[in-house]
N, C-alpha and C. Protein backbone atom coordinates (compact mmCIF):
# COMPACT_ATOMS: atom_id res chain seq x y z
N MET A 1 -4.98 -40.62 3.09
CA MET A 1 -3.88 -41.57 2.93
C MET A 1 -2.76 -40.94 2.09
N ASN A 2 -1.52 -41.15 2.49
CA ASN A 2 -0.37 -40.69 1.71
C ASN A 2 -0.55 -41.10 0.25
N LYS A 3 -0.48 -40.10 -0.66
CA LYS A 3 -0.82 -40.36 -2.07
C LYS A 3 0.11 -41.39 -2.70
N GLU A 4 1.40 -41.26 -2.44
CA GLU A 4 2.36 -42.18 -3.05
C GLU A 4 2.14 -43.61 -2.55
N TRP A 5 1.94 -43.76 -1.24
CA TRP A 5 1.71 -45.10 -0.69
C TRP A 5 0.40 -45.69 -1.22
N SER A 6 -0.62 -44.83 -1.30
CA SER A 6 -1.92 -45.27 -1.81
C SER A 6 -1.80 -45.75 -3.26
N GLU A 7 -1.06 -44.98 -4.07
CA GLU A 7 -0.89 -45.34 -5.48
C GLU A 7 -0.11 -46.64 -5.63
N LEU A 8 0.95 -46.78 -4.85
CA LEU A 8 1.74 -48.02 -4.90
C LEU A 8 0.88 -49.21 -4.50
N ASN A 9 0.05 -49.03 -3.48
CA ASN A 9 -0.82 -50.10 -3.00
C ASN A 9 -1.82 -50.52 -4.10
N LYS A 10 -2.43 -49.52 -4.73
CA LYS A 10 -3.39 -49.81 -5.81
C LYS A 10 -2.71 -50.51 -6.98
N LYS A 11 -1.55 -50.00 -7.36
CA LYS A 11 -0.78 -50.58 -8.47
C LYS A 11 -0.43 -52.04 -8.17
N MET A 12 0.05 -52.29 -6.95
CA MET A 12 0.41 -53.65 -6.55
C MET A 12 -0.80 -54.58 -6.63
N GLN A 13 -1.95 -54.13 -6.13
CA GLN A 13 -3.15 -54.97 -6.14
C GLN A 13 -3.56 -55.35 -7.55
N THR A 14 -3.46 -54.39 -8.47
CA THR A 14 -3.79 -54.67 -9.88
C THR A 14 -2.79 -55.64 -10.48
N GLN A 15 -1.51 -55.42 -10.21
CA GLN A 15 -0.46 -56.24 -10.82
C GLN A 15 -0.51 -57.70 -10.35
N ILE A 16 -0.78 -57.94 -9.06
CA ILE A 16 -0.72 -59.33 -8.59
C ILE A 16 -1.96 -60.14 -8.98
N ARG A 17 -2.96 -59.46 -9.58
CA ARG A 17 -4.14 -60.18 -10.04
C ARG A 17 -3.88 -60.98 -11.32
N LYS A 18 -2.86 -60.55 -12.08
CA LYS A 18 -2.59 -61.20 -13.37
C LYS A 18 -1.24 -61.89 -13.34
N LYS A 19 -1.23 -63.06 -13.96
CA LYS A 19 -0.01 -63.87 -13.93
C LYS A 19 1.17 -63.14 -14.59
N ASP A 20 0.90 -62.45 -15.72
CA ASP A 20 2.02 -61.84 -16.45
C ASP A 20 2.57 -60.58 -15.80
N THR A 21 1.84 -60.02 -14.81
CA THR A 21 2.38 -58.84 -14.08
C THR A 21 2.62 -59.15 -12.60
N TYR A 22 2.49 -60.42 -12.23
CA TYR A 22 2.61 -60.81 -10.82
C TYR A 22 3.98 -60.44 -10.24
N GLU A 23 5.06 -60.77 -10.96
CA GLU A 23 6.41 -60.49 -10.46
C GLU A 23 6.62 -58.98 -10.26
N GLU A 24 6.13 -58.18 -11.21
CA GLU A 24 6.22 -56.72 -11.06
C GLU A 24 5.44 -56.27 -9.82
N GLY A 25 4.30 -56.91 -9.59
CA GLY A 25 3.47 -56.57 -8.42
C GLY A 25 4.19 -56.82 -7.12
N ILE A 26 4.94 -57.91 -7.08
CA ILE A 26 5.72 -58.21 -5.86
C ILE A 26 6.81 -57.15 -5.68
N GLY A 27 7.40 -56.72 -6.79
CA GLY A 27 8.40 -55.64 -6.73
C GLY A 27 7.78 -54.34 -6.20
N THR A 28 6.57 -54.05 -6.66
CA THR A 28 5.85 -52.85 -6.18
C THR A 28 5.56 -52.96 -4.69
N LEU A 29 5.15 -54.16 -4.27
CA LEU A 29 4.88 -54.39 -2.84
C LEU A 29 6.13 -54.14 -2.01
N PHE A 30 7.28 -54.64 -2.47
CA PHE A 30 8.52 -54.43 -1.73
C PHE A 30 8.91 -52.95 -1.69
N GLU A 31 8.66 -52.25 -2.79
CA GLU A 31 8.94 -50.81 -2.81
C GLU A 31 8.10 -50.08 -1.76
N LEU A 32 6.82 -50.43 -1.68
CA LEU A 32 5.92 -49.84 -0.68
C LEU A 32 6.39 -50.17 0.73
N ARG A 33 6.68 -51.43 0.98
CA ARG A 33 7.09 -51.86 2.32
C ARG A 33 8.41 -51.19 2.73
N ASN A 34 9.32 -51.02 1.77
CA ASN A 34 10.59 -50.38 2.10
C ASN A 34 10.39 -48.90 2.46
N GLN A 35 9.50 -48.23 1.73
CA GLN A 35 9.22 -46.83 2.06
C GLN A 35 8.59 -46.70 3.45
N LEU A 36 7.67 -47.59 3.76
CA LEU A 36 7.02 -47.55 5.07
C LEU A 36 8.02 -47.86 6.18
N MET A 37 8.92 -48.81 5.91
CA MET A 37 9.94 -49.15 6.91
C MET A 37 10.90 -47.99 7.14
N GLU A 38 11.18 -47.24 6.09
CA GLU A 38 12.03 -46.04 6.25
C GLU A 38 11.39 -45.05 7.22
N THR A 39 10.07 -44.89 7.11
CA THR A 39 9.36 -43.99 8.02
C THR A 39 9.43 -44.52 9.46
N LEU A 40 9.22 -45.82 9.63
CA LEU A 40 9.30 -46.41 10.98
C LEU A 40 10.71 -46.26 11.56
N THR A 41 11.72 -46.42 10.71
CA THR A 41 13.11 -46.26 11.16
C THR A 41 13.37 -44.81 11.56
N SER A 42 12.77 -43.87 10.82
CA SER A 42 12.96 -42.46 11.17
C SER A 42 12.39 -42.14 12.55
N PHE A 43 11.31 -42.84 12.93
CA PHE A 43 10.76 -42.64 14.29
C PHE A 43 11.83 -42.97 15.33
N TYR A 44 12.52 -44.09 15.12
CA TYR A 44 13.53 -44.53 16.09
C TYR A 44 14.65 -43.50 16.20
N ASP A 45 15.01 -42.89 15.07
CA ASP A 45 16.11 -41.91 15.05
C ASP A 45 15.69 -40.57 15.66
N GLU A 46 14.41 -40.24 15.56
CA GLU A 46 13.97 -38.87 15.88
C GLU A 46 13.20 -38.73 17.19
N LEU A 47 12.58 -39.79 17.66
CA LEU A 47 11.67 -39.65 18.80
C LEU A 47 12.29 -40.16 20.11
N SER A 48 11.87 -39.56 21.19
CA SER A 48 12.29 -40.02 22.52
C SER A 48 11.41 -41.17 22.96
N LYS A 49 11.83 -41.87 24.00
CA LYS A 49 11.02 -42.97 24.56
C LYS A 49 9.64 -42.43 24.98
N GLU A 50 9.63 -41.26 25.57
CA GLU A 50 8.36 -40.67 26.02
C GLU A 50 7.43 -40.42 24.83
N GLU A 51 8.01 -39.99 23.71
CA GLU A 51 7.19 -39.72 22.52
C GLU A 51 6.65 -41.03 21.91
N PHE A 52 7.43 -42.09 21.98
CA PHE A 52 6.96 -43.40 21.54
C PHE A 52 5.76 -43.87 22.37
N ASN A 53 5.75 -43.47 23.64
CA ASN A 53 4.70 -43.93 24.57
C ASN A 53 3.52 -42.97 24.67
N ALA A 54 3.64 -41.80 24.04
CA ALA A 54 2.60 -40.77 24.16
C ALA A 54 1.31 -41.21 23.48
N ILE A 55 0.17 -40.85 24.07
CA ILE A 55 -1.14 -41.22 23.53
C ILE A 55 -2.03 -39.98 23.49
N PRO A 56 -1.68 -39.03 22.60
CA PRO A 56 -2.36 -37.72 22.60
C PRO A 56 -3.82 -37.76 22.16
N PHE A 57 -4.20 -38.82 21.43
CA PHE A 57 -5.58 -38.92 20.94
C PHE A 57 -6.31 -40.06 21.63
N ILE A 58 -6.12 -40.20 22.93
CA ILE A 58 -6.58 -41.37 23.69
C ILE A 58 -8.08 -41.63 23.53
N ASN A 59 -8.87 -40.60 23.37
CA ASN A 59 -10.34 -40.78 23.28
C ASN A 59 -10.87 -40.73 21.86
N ALA A 60 -9.96 -40.71 20.88
CA ALA A 60 -10.39 -40.62 19.48
C ALA A 60 -10.82 -41.99 18.96
N ASP A 61 -11.56 -41.96 17.87
CA ASP A 61 -11.85 -43.19 17.12
C ASP A 61 -10.83 -43.26 16.00
N GLY A 62 -10.21 -44.39 15.82
CA GLY A 62 -9.25 -44.51 14.72
C GLY A 62 -7.90 -45.00 15.19
N TYR A 63 -7.05 -45.28 14.20
CA TYR A 63 -5.74 -45.87 14.47
C TYR A 63 -4.83 -44.92 15.24
N HIS A 64 -5.07 -43.62 15.16
CA HIS A 64 -4.22 -42.64 15.85
C HIS A 64 -4.54 -42.56 17.35
N SER A 65 -5.50 -43.35 17.82
CA SER A 65 -5.84 -43.34 19.26
C SER A 65 -4.88 -44.20 20.08
N LYS A 66 -3.82 -44.72 19.44
CA LYS A 66 -2.84 -45.60 20.11
C LYS A 66 -1.56 -44.82 20.41
N THR A 67 -0.50 -45.57 20.72
CA THR A 67 0.85 -44.99 20.80
C THR A 67 1.65 -45.50 19.60
N ILE A 68 2.75 -44.84 19.32
CA ILE A 68 3.61 -45.31 18.22
C ILE A 68 4.23 -46.65 18.58
N ALA A 69 4.68 -46.81 19.81
CA ALA A 69 5.28 -48.09 20.23
C ALA A 69 4.29 -49.24 20.06
N TYR A 70 3.05 -49.02 20.50
CA TYR A 70 2.01 -50.04 20.35
C TYR A 70 1.76 -50.34 18.87
N SER A 71 1.66 -49.31 18.05
CA SER A 71 1.35 -49.50 16.63
C SER A 71 2.40 -50.37 15.95
N ILE A 72 3.67 -50.13 16.30
CA ILE A 72 4.76 -50.92 15.71
C ILE A 72 4.66 -52.37 16.16
N TRP A 73 4.47 -52.58 17.46
CA TRP A 73 4.25 -53.93 17.97
C TRP A 73 3.12 -54.62 17.22
N HIS A 74 2.00 -53.94 17.09
CA HIS A 74 0.78 -54.49 16.50
C HIS A 74 0.97 -54.88 15.03
N ILE A 75 1.58 -53.98 14.24
CA ILE A 75 1.83 -54.28 12.83
C ILE A 75 2.61 -55.58 12.68
N PHE A 76 3.66 -55.71 13.49
CA PHE A 76 4.60 -56.81 13.25
C PHE A 76 4.23 -58.10 13.96
N ARG A 77 3.46 -58.02 15.05
CA ARG A 77 2.94 -59.27 15.61
C ARG A 77 1.96 -59.89 14.61
N ILE A 78 1.11 -59.04 14.04
CA ILE A 78 0.16 -59.55 13.04
C ILE A 78 0.90 -60.13 11.84
N GLU A 79 1.89 -59.40 11.35
CA GLU A 79 2.64 -59.90 10.18
C GLU A 79 3.34 -61.22 10.49
N ASP A 80 3.97 -61.31 11.63
CA ASP A 80 4.69 -62.52 12.04
C ASP A 80 3.73 -63.72 12.11
N ILE A 81 2.58 -63.51 12.74
CA ILE A 81 1.58 -64.57 12.89
C ILE A 81 1.08 -65.03 11.52
N VAL A 82 0.71 -64.08 10.68
CA VAL A 82 0.15 -64.43 9.36
C VAL A 82 1.20 -65.07 8.46
N ALA A 83 2.39 -64.46 8.41
CA ALA A 83 3.44 -64.95 7.51
C ALA A 83 3.91 -66.35 7.90
N HIS A 84 4.14 -66.55 9.19
CA HIS A 84 4.76 -67.82 9.61
C HIS A 84 3.74 -68.89 9.98
N THR A 85 2.76 -68.55 10.79
CA THR A 85 1.80 -69.58 11.22
C THR A 85 0.83 -69.94 10.11
N LEU A 86 0.35 -68.94 9.35
CA LEU A 86 -0.71 -69.22 8.37
C LEU A 86 -0.20 -69.46 6.95
N ILE A 87 0.85 -68.79 6.53
CA ILE A 87 1.32 -68.96 5.15
C ILE A 87 2.45 -69.98 5.06
N ASN A 88 3.52 -69.74 5.81
CA ASN A 88 4.70 -70.61 5.69
C ASN A 88 4.63 -71.85 6.58
N GLU A 89 3.72 -71.82 7.54
CA GLU A 89 3.52 -72.95 8.46
C GLU A 89 4.81 -73.34 9.17
N ASP A 90 5.51 -72.33 9.69
CA ASP A 90 6.72 -72.58 10.48
C ASP A 90 6.65 -71.73 11.75
N GLU A 91 7.75 -71.65 12.47
CA GLU A 91 7.73 -70.96 13.77
C GLU A 91 7.81 -69.45 13.60
N GLN A 92 7.03 -68.75 14.38
CA GLN A 92 7.09 -67.28 14.37
C GLN A 92 8.45 -66.79 14.84
N VAL A 93 8.90 -65.69 14.24
CA VAL A 93 10.14 -65.03 14.65
C VAL A 93 10.10 -64.71 16.14
N PHE A 94 8.94 -64.31 16.62
CA PHE A 94 8.74 -63.92 18.01
C PHE A 94 9.18 -65.01 18.98
N PHE A 95 8.79 -66.25 18.68
CA PHE A 95 9.14 -67.38 19.55
C PHE A 95 10.54 -67.89 19.28
N ALA A 96 10.91 -67.96 18.00
CA ALA A 96 12.24 -68.47 17.64
C ALA A 96 13.34 -67.58 18.20
N GLY A 97 13.08 -66.28 18.26
CA GLY A 97 14.10 -65.33 18.71
C GLY A 97 13.97 -64.93 20.17
N ASN A 98 13.07 -65.60 20.91
CA ASN A 98 12.86 -65.30 22.33
C ASN A 98 12.55 -63.81 22.54
N TYR A 99 11.70 -63.27 21.66
CA TYR A 99 11.47 -61.83 21.68
C TYR A 99 10.56 -61.35 22.80
N GLN A 100 9.74 -62.20 23.35
CA GLN A 100 8.91 -61.71 24.47
C GLN A 100 9.80 -61.23 25.61
N GLU A 101 10.78 -62.05 25.93
CA GLU A 101 11.71 -61.69 27.01
C GLU A 101 12.58 -60.50 26.60
N ARG A 102 13.07 -60.53 25.37
CA ARG A 102 13.98 -59.47 24.92
C ARG A 102 13.28 -58.10 24.86
N ILE A 103 12.04 -58.10 24.38
CA ILE A 103 11.30 -56.83 24.28
C ILE A 103 10.70 -56.44 25.63
N ASN A 104 10.65 -57.40 26.55
CA ASN A 104 10.05 -57.19 27.88
C ASN A 104 8.54 -56.94 27.77
N SER A 105 7.91 -57.74 26.91
CA SER A 105 6.46 -57.57 26.71
C SER A 105 5.67 -58.44 27.66
N PRO A 106 4.61 -57.89 28.26
CA PRO A 106 3.75 -58.70 29.13
C PRO A 106 2.79 -59.59 28.33
N ILE A 107 2.71 -59.37 27.01
CA ILE A 107 1.77 -60.15 26.18
C ILE A 107 2.50 -60.78 24.98
N ILE A 108 1.85 -61.80 24.39
CA ILE A 108 2.36 -62.41 23.15
C ILE A 108 1.38 -62.17 22.00
N THR A 109 0.29 -61.49 22.29
CA THR A 109 -0.79 -61.30 21.32
C THR A 109 -0.54 -60.09 20.42
N THR A 110 -1.53 -59.84 19.54
CA THR A 110 -1.49 -58.69 18.63
C THR A 110 -1.74 -57.37 19.35
N GLY A 111 -2.29 -57.44 20.56
CA GLY A 111 -2.59 -56.24 21.33
C GLY A 111 -3.96 -55.64 21.05
N ASN A 112 -4.76 -56.27 20.19
CA ASN A 112 -6.10 -55.73 19.87
C ASN A 112 -6.99 -55.57 21.10
N GLU A 113 -6.70 -56.39 22.11
CA GLU A 113 -7.56 -56.38 23.31
C GLU A 113 -7.28 -55.19 24.22
N LEU A 114 -6.16 -54.49 24.01
CA LEU A 114 -5.79 -53.37 24.88
C LEU A 114 -6.52 -52.09 24.47
N VAL A 115 -6.91 -51.29 25.44
CA VAL A 115 -7.59 -50.02 25.14
C VAL A 115 -7.01 -48.89 26.00
N LYS A 116 -7.02 -47.71 25.42
CA LYS A 116 -6.70 -46.45 26.11
C LYS A 116 -5.47 -46.55 27.03
N GLN A 117 -5.66 -46.40 28.35
CA GLN A 117 -4.52 -46.35 29.27
C GLN A 117 -3.74 -47.67 29.26
N GLN A 118 -4.43 -48.77 28.99
CA GLN A 118 -3.73 -50.06 28.90
C GLN A 118 -2.66 -50.02 27.80
N ILE A 119 -2.99 -49.34 26.70
CA ILE A 119 -2.04 -49.21 25.59
C ILE A 119 -0.83 -48.39 26.02
N ALA A 120 -1.09 -47.30 26.74
CA ALA A 120 0.01 -46.45 27.22
C ALA A 120 0.89 -47.21 28.21
N ASP A 121 0.27 -47.93 29.14
CA ASP A 121 1.03 -48.69 30.14
C ASP A 121 1.85 -49.80 29.48
N PHE A 122 1.25 -50.47 28.52
CA PHE A 122 1.95 -51.53 27.77
C PHE A 122 3.18 -50.95 27.07
N SER A 123 3.00 -49.82 26.42
CA SER A 123 4.08 -49.20 25.64
C SER A 123 5.29 -48.88 26.50
N LYS A 124 5.03 -48.42 27.72
CA LYS A 124 6.13 -48.03 28.62
C LYS A 124 7.03 -49.21 28.99
N GLN A 125 6.50 -50.41 28.91
CA GLN A 125 7.28 -51.59 29.31
C GLN A 125 8.23 -52.09 28.23
N LEU A 126 8.01 -51.66 27.00
CA LEU A 126 8.74 -52.26 25.87
C LEU A 126 10.16 -51.74 25.73
N ASN A 127 11.07 -52.65 25.43
CA ASN A 127 12.45 -52.29 25.10
C ASN A 127 12.48 -51.95 23.60
N LEU A 128 12.61 -50.67 23.30
CA LEU A 128 12.50 -50.23 21.90
C LEU A 128 13.59 -50.80 21.00
N LYS A 129 14.79 -50.90 21.53
CA LYS A 129 15.90 -51.43 20.71
C LYS A 129 15.58 -52.85 20.26
N GLU A 130 15.09 -53.66 21.19
CA GLU A 130 14.75 -55.04 20.86
C GLU A 130 13.49 -55.12 19.99
N LEU A 131 12.55 -54.20 20.22
CA LEU A 131 11.36 -54.15 19.36
C LEU A 131 11.78 -53.90 17.91
N TYR A 132 12.72 -53.00 17.71
CA TYR A 132 13.18 -52.73 16.35
C TYR A 132 13.96 -53.91 15.77
N SER A 133 14.73 -54.60 16.59
CA SER A 133 15.39 -55.83 16.10
C SER A 133 14.34 -56.81 15.59
N TYR A 134 13.27 -56.92 16.35
CA TYR A 134 12.17 -57.82 15.99
C TYR A 134 11.53 -57.42 14.66
N ILE A 135 11.22 -56.14 14.50
CA ILE A 135 10.49 -55.75 13.28
C ILE A 135 11.36 -55.90 12.04
N PHE A 136 12.67 -55.64 12.16
CA PHE A 136 13.55 -55.84 11.01
C PHE A 136 13.61 -57.32 10.64
N GLU A 137 13.67 -58.17 11.65
CA GLU A 137 13.75 -59.61 11.39
C GLU A 137 12.44 -60.14 10.78
N VAL A 138 11.32 -59.64 11.29
CA VAL A 138 10.03 -60.06 10.74
C VAL A 138 9.90 -59.62 9.29
N LYS A 139 10.22 -58.37 9.01
CA LYS A 139 10.09 -57.89 7.63
C LYS A 139 10.96 -58.70 6.68
N GLU A 140 12.20 -58.95 7.07
CA GLU A 140 13.11 -59.71 6.22
C GLU A 140 12.57 -61.12 5.96
N SER A 141 12.05 -61.76 7.00
CA SER A 141 11.54 -63.13 6.83
C SER A 141 10.27 -63.15 5.99
N THR A 142 9.41 -62.14 6.17
CA THR A 142 8.18 -62.06 5.37
C THR A 142 8.51 -61.81 3.91
N ASP A 143 9.46 -60.91 3.66
CA ASP A 143 9.86 -60.64 2.27
C ASP A 143 10.33 -61.92 1.59
N LYS A 144 11.05 -62.74 2.31
CA LYS A 144 11.54 -64.00 1.73
C LYS A 144 10.37 -64.94 1.44
N ILE A 145 9.42 -65.02 2.38
CA ILE A 145 8.23 -65.88 2.19
C ILE A 145 7.44 -65.41 0.96
N ILE A 146 7.25 -64.09 0.82
CA ILE A 146 6.51 -63.55 -0.32
C ILE A 146 7.25 -63.85 -1.62
N LYS A 147 8.57 -63.68 -1.61
CA LYS A 147 9.38 -63.95 -2.80
C LYS A 147 9.22 -65.39 -3.28
N ASP A 148 9.04 -66.30 -2.33
CA ASP A 148 8.94 -67.73 -2.66
C ASP A 148 7.52 -68.15 -3.07
N LEU A 149 6.56 -67.23 -3.01
CA LEU A 149 5.20 -67.57 -3.42
C LEU A 149 5.07 -67.43 -4.94
N TYR A 150 4.47 -68.43 -5.56
CA TYR A 150 4.18 -68.35 -6.99
C TYR A 150 2.77 -67.79 -7.19
N TYR A 151 2.51 -67.32 -8.40
CA TYR A 151 1.19 -66.77 -8.71
C TYR A 151 0.09 -67.77 -8.38
N ASP A 152 0.33 -69.03 -8.71
CA ASP A 152 -0.70 -70.06 -8.49
C ASP A 152 -0.95 -70.34 -7.00
N ASP A 153 -0.02 -69.93 -6.15
CA ASP A 153 -0.21 -70.11 -4.69
C ASP A 153 -1.24 -69.15 -4.13
N LEU A 154 -1.54 -68.06 -4.86
CA LEU A 154 -2.35 -66.99 -4.30
C LEU A 154 -3.80 -67.39 -4.02
N LYS A 155 -4.26 -68.43 -4.72
CA LYS A 155 -5.65 -68.87 -4.50
C LYS A 155 -5.77 -69.80 -3.29
N ARG A 156 -4.63 -70.21 -2.74
CA ARG A 156 -4.66 -71.14 -1.61
C ARG A 156 -5.28 -70.49 -0.38
N LYS A 157 -6.13 -71.23 0.29
CA LYS A 157 -6.77 -70.74 1.52
C LYS A 157 -6.07 -71.37 2.73
N VAL A 158 -6.30 -70.79 3.89
CA VAL A 158 -5.77 -71.34 5.14
C VAL A 158 -6.58 -72.59 5.48
N SER A 159 -5.88 -73.68 5.79
CA SER A 159 -6.59 -74.93 6.10
C SER A 159 -7.22 -74.86 7.50
N GLU A 160 -8.20 -75.72 7.70
CA GLU A 160 -8.88 -75.79 9.00
C GLU A 160 -7.89 -76.19 10.10
N ASP A 161 -6.96 -77.09 9.76
CA ASP A 161 -5.94 -77.52 10.73
C ASP A 161 -5.08 -76.34 11.18
N ARG A 162 -4.70 -75.50 10.22
CA ARG A 162 -3.88 -74.32 10.54
C ARG A 162 -4.65 -73.36 11.43
N LYS A 163 -5.92 -73.20 11.12
CA LYS A 163 -6.77 -72.31 11.91
C LYS A 163 -6.81 -72.78 13.36
N GLU A 164 -6.98 -74.09 13.55
CA GLU A 164 -7.02 -74.65 14.90
C GLU A 164 -5.67 -74.50 15.60
N TYR A 165 -4.59 -74.70 14.82
CA TYR A 165 -3.26 -74.55 15.38
C TYR A 165 -3.02 -73.10 15.82
N LEU A 166 -3.46 -72.16 14.99
CA LEU A 166 -3.36 -70.74 15.34
C LEU A 166 -4.05 -70.47 16.68
N LYS A 167 -5.25 -71.00 16.85
CA LYS A 167 -5.98 -70.80 18.11
C LYS A 167 -5.20 -71.38 19.30
N SER A 168 -4.55 -72.51 19.07
CA SER A 168 -3.83 -73.18 20.17
C SER A 168 -2.61 -72.39 20.65
N LEU A 169 -2.11 -71.48 19.82
CA LEU A 169 -0.92 -70.69 20.20
C LEU A 169 -1.27 -69.53 21.14
N HIS A 170 -2.55 -69.16 21.19
CA HIS A 170 -3.02 -68.06 22.06
C HIS A 170 -2.35 -66.73 21.74
N VAL A 171 -2.02 -66.53 20.45
CA VAL A 171 -1.40 -65.26 20.04
C VAL A 171 -2.46 -64.23 19.63
N VAL A 172 -3.71 -64.68 19.58
CA VAL A 172 -4.84 -63.77 19.40
C VAL A 172 -5.70 -63.90 20.66
N SER A 173 -5.96 -62.77 21.31
CA SER A 173 -6.75 -62.79 22.55
C SER A 173 -8.18 -63.22 22.27
N ASN A 174 -8.82 -63.84 23.26
CA ASN A 174 -10.23 -64.20 23.15
C ASN A 174 -11.16 -63.01 23.37
N ASP A 175 -10.59 -61.86 23.69
CA ASP A 175 -11.39 -60.65 23.86
C ASP A 175 -12.14 -60.34 22.56
N GLU A 176 -13.33 -59.76 22.68
CA GLU A 176 -14.15 -59.50 21.49
C GLU A 176 -13.48 -58.52 20.52
N ASN A 177 -12.57 -57.70 21.02
CA ASN A 177 -11.86 -56.77 20.14
C ASN A 177 -10.76 -57.45 19.32
N ALA A 178 -10.48 -58.71 19.63
CA ALA A 178 -9.37 -59.41 18.98
C ALA A 178 -9.78 -60.70 18.27
N ILE A 179 -10.67 -61.47 18.86
CA ILE A 179 -10.92 -62.84 18.40
C ILE A 179 -11.42 -62.91 16.96
N TRP A 180 -12.07 -61.84 16.49
CA TRP A 180 -12.56 -61.79 15.10
C TRP A 180 -11.43 -61.93 14.08
N LEU A 181 -10.20 -61.60 14.49
CA LEU A 181 -9.05 -61.69 13.57
C LEU A 181 -8.86 -63.10 13.01
N VAL A 182 -9.12 -64.10 13.83
CA VAL A 182 -8.89 -65.49 13.40
C VAL A 182 -9.72 -65.80 12.15
N ASP A 183 -11.02 -65.53 12.22
CA ASP A 183 -11.89 -65.76 11.06
C ASP A 183 -11.53 -64.83 9.91
N TYR A 184 -11.21 -63.60 10.24
CA TYR A 184 -10.88 -62.60 9.21
C TYR A 184 -9.71 -63.09 8.35
N TRP A 185 -8.63 -63.54 9.00
CA TRP A 185 -7.48 -64.04 8.25
C TRP A 185 -7.78 -65.35 7.54
N CYS A 186 -8.43 -66.26 8.26
CA CYS A 186 -8.59 -67.62 7.74
C CYS A 186 -9.63 -67.71 6.62
N ASN A 187 -10.43 -66.66 6.45
CA ASN A 187 -11.37 -66.63 5.33
C ASN A 187 -10.77 -66.02 4.07
N LYS A 188 -9.54 -65.55 4.16
CA LYS A 188 -8.87 -64.97 3.00
C LYS A 188 -7.99 -66.02 2.31
N ASP A 189 -7.73 -65.80 1.01
CA ASP A 189 -6.71 -66.59 0.34
C ASP A 189 -5.37 -65.85 0.48
N MET A 190 -4.30 -66.43 -0.09
CA MET A 190 -2.97 -65.83 0.08
C MET A 190 -2.91 -64.42 -0.51
N ARG A 191 -3.62 -64.20 -1.62
CA ARG A 191 -3.65 -62.86 -2.20
C ARG A 191 -4.26 -61.87 -1.21
N GLY A 192 -5.34 -62.26 -0.58
CA GLY A 192 -6.01 -61.40 0.39
C GLY A 192 -5.12 -61.06 1.57
N LEU A 193 -4.30 -62.02 1.99
CA LEU A 193 -3.39 -61.77 3.11
C LEU A 193 -2.28 -60.80 2.72
N ILE A 194 -1.78 -60.94 1.49
CA ILE A 194 -0.77 -60.00 1.00
C ILE A 194 -1.35 -58.58 0.99
N GLN A 195 -2.62 -58.47 0.59
CA GLN A 195 -3.23 -57.15 0.42
C GLN A 195 -3.60 -56.47 1.74
N MET A 196 -3.71 -57.24 2.82
CA MET A 196 -4.07 -56.56 4.06
C MET A 196 -2.92 -56.52 5.06
N PRO A 197 -2.59 -57.61 5.74
CA PRO A 197 -1.56 -57.42 6.77
C PRO A 197 -0.21 -56.93 6.21
N PHE A 198 0.11 -57.29 4.97
CA PHE A 198 1.46 -56.98 4.47
C PHE A 198 1.58 -55.64 3.76
N SER A 199 0.47 -54.94 3.56
CA SER A 199 0.55 -53.67 2.84
C SER A 199 -0.41 -52.62 3.43
N ARG A 200 -1.70 -52.78 3.20
CA ARG A 200 -2.65 -51.75 3.64
C ARG A 200 -2.62 -51.55 5.16
N HIS A 201 -2.48 -52.64 5.91
CA HIS A 201 -2.43 -52.56 7.37
C HIS A 201 -1.25 -51.70 7.83
N TRP A 202 -0.10 -51.89 7.18
CA TRP A 202 1.07 -51.06 7.47
C TRP A 202 0.74 -49.59 7.24
N ILE A 203 0.17 -49.29 6.05
CA ILE A 203 -0.10 -47.90 5.68
C ILE A 203 -0.95 -47.21 6.74
N MET A 204 -2.03 -47.86 7.14
CA MET A 204 -2.96 -47.24 8.09
C MET A 204 -2.29 -46.92 9.42
N HIS A 205 -1.48 -47.84 9.91
CA HIS A 205 -0.84 -47.63 11.22
C HIS A 205 0.36 -46.68 11.13
N VAL A 206 1.11 -46.72 10.03
CA VAL A 206 2.23 -45.79 9.88
C VAL A 206 1.71 -44.36 9.74
N GLU A 207 0.64 -44.19 8.97
CA GLU A 207 0.05 -42.85 8.86
C GLU A 207 -0.46 -42.34 10.21
N ALA A 208 -1.05 -43.24 10.98
CA ALA A 208 -1.50 -42.87 12.33
C ALA A 208 -0.29 -42.47 13.19
N GLY A 209 0.81 -43.20 13.04
CA GLY A 209 2.04 -42.88 13.76
C GLY A 209 2.57 -41.50 13.41
N LEU A 210 2.47 -41.15 12.13
CA LEU A 210 2.91 -39.81 11.70
C LEU A 210 2.03 -38.72 12.32
N ARG A 211 0.75 -39.02 12.41
CA ARG A 211 -0.18 -38.05 13.03
C ARG A 211 0.17 -37.85 14.51
N ILE A 212 0.47 -38.96 15.19
CA ILE A 212 0.88 -38.88 16.62
C ILE A 212 2.19 -38.10 16.72
N LYS A 213 3.14 -38.45 15.85
CA LYS A 213 4.45 -37.77 15.89
C LYS A 213 4.29 -36.26 15.71
N ASN A 214 3.47 -35.84 14.76
CA ASN A 214 3.27 -34.41 14.51
C ASN A 214 2.68 -33.70 15.71
N LYS A 215 1.94 -34.44 16.51
CA LYS A 215 1.31 -33.86 17.71
C LYS A 215 2.30 -33.75 18.88
N VAL A 216 3.16 -34.77 19.03
CA VAL A 216 3.98 -34.84 20.25
C VAL A 216 5.43 -34.38 20.08
N HIS A 217 5.88 -34.34 18.80
CA HIS A 217 7.30 -34.05 18.55
C HIS A 217 7.47 -32.62 18.09
N SER A 218 8.25 -31.86 18.85
CA SER A 218 8.41 -30.46 18.48
C SER A 218 9.67 -30.27 17.64
């Protein structure tokens, strides 16, 4: 794991555990997210559409077995779902902004159900310009939601009603590779959600993207 990102992540986790360092922890989280977003933005500036769709480690185990386009979709669909449906209890950016049509995506899910060539085929369909519009909008909206959370909110769990509502949206596939996400998220409190989809999850997929980039980009 990138040492700086890893250190920022550890520092943030320690800081948000205590009330008197909570605000600093949120600042550390934003610093980490901004650095990761800079890397994602550099992909857009440096890579061709073909490189975004390349799947050089198709048979590998791990996050690098995907494409960069898929990884970006996956990070931000998860963030949008968790931030809006589970934490803020409002409409996802994806639906409010008509992003399925704009991105030209055949799915509305996180993409966990896709494997190997399906991931490559999915990636080829995406409008990258609109995908990037989506991820910037999701990050901005999530940052605002996080800013509005108080330390005492962190112990709050996802309600059973919200869990059922999440299922009704069909944004998580019923495939065995995806359906576990519902319980995984809904068993966490708000602190747990900040620590995974909003930080560590980004790191793992961005690092995988860098590994793919190093392989395909000359």
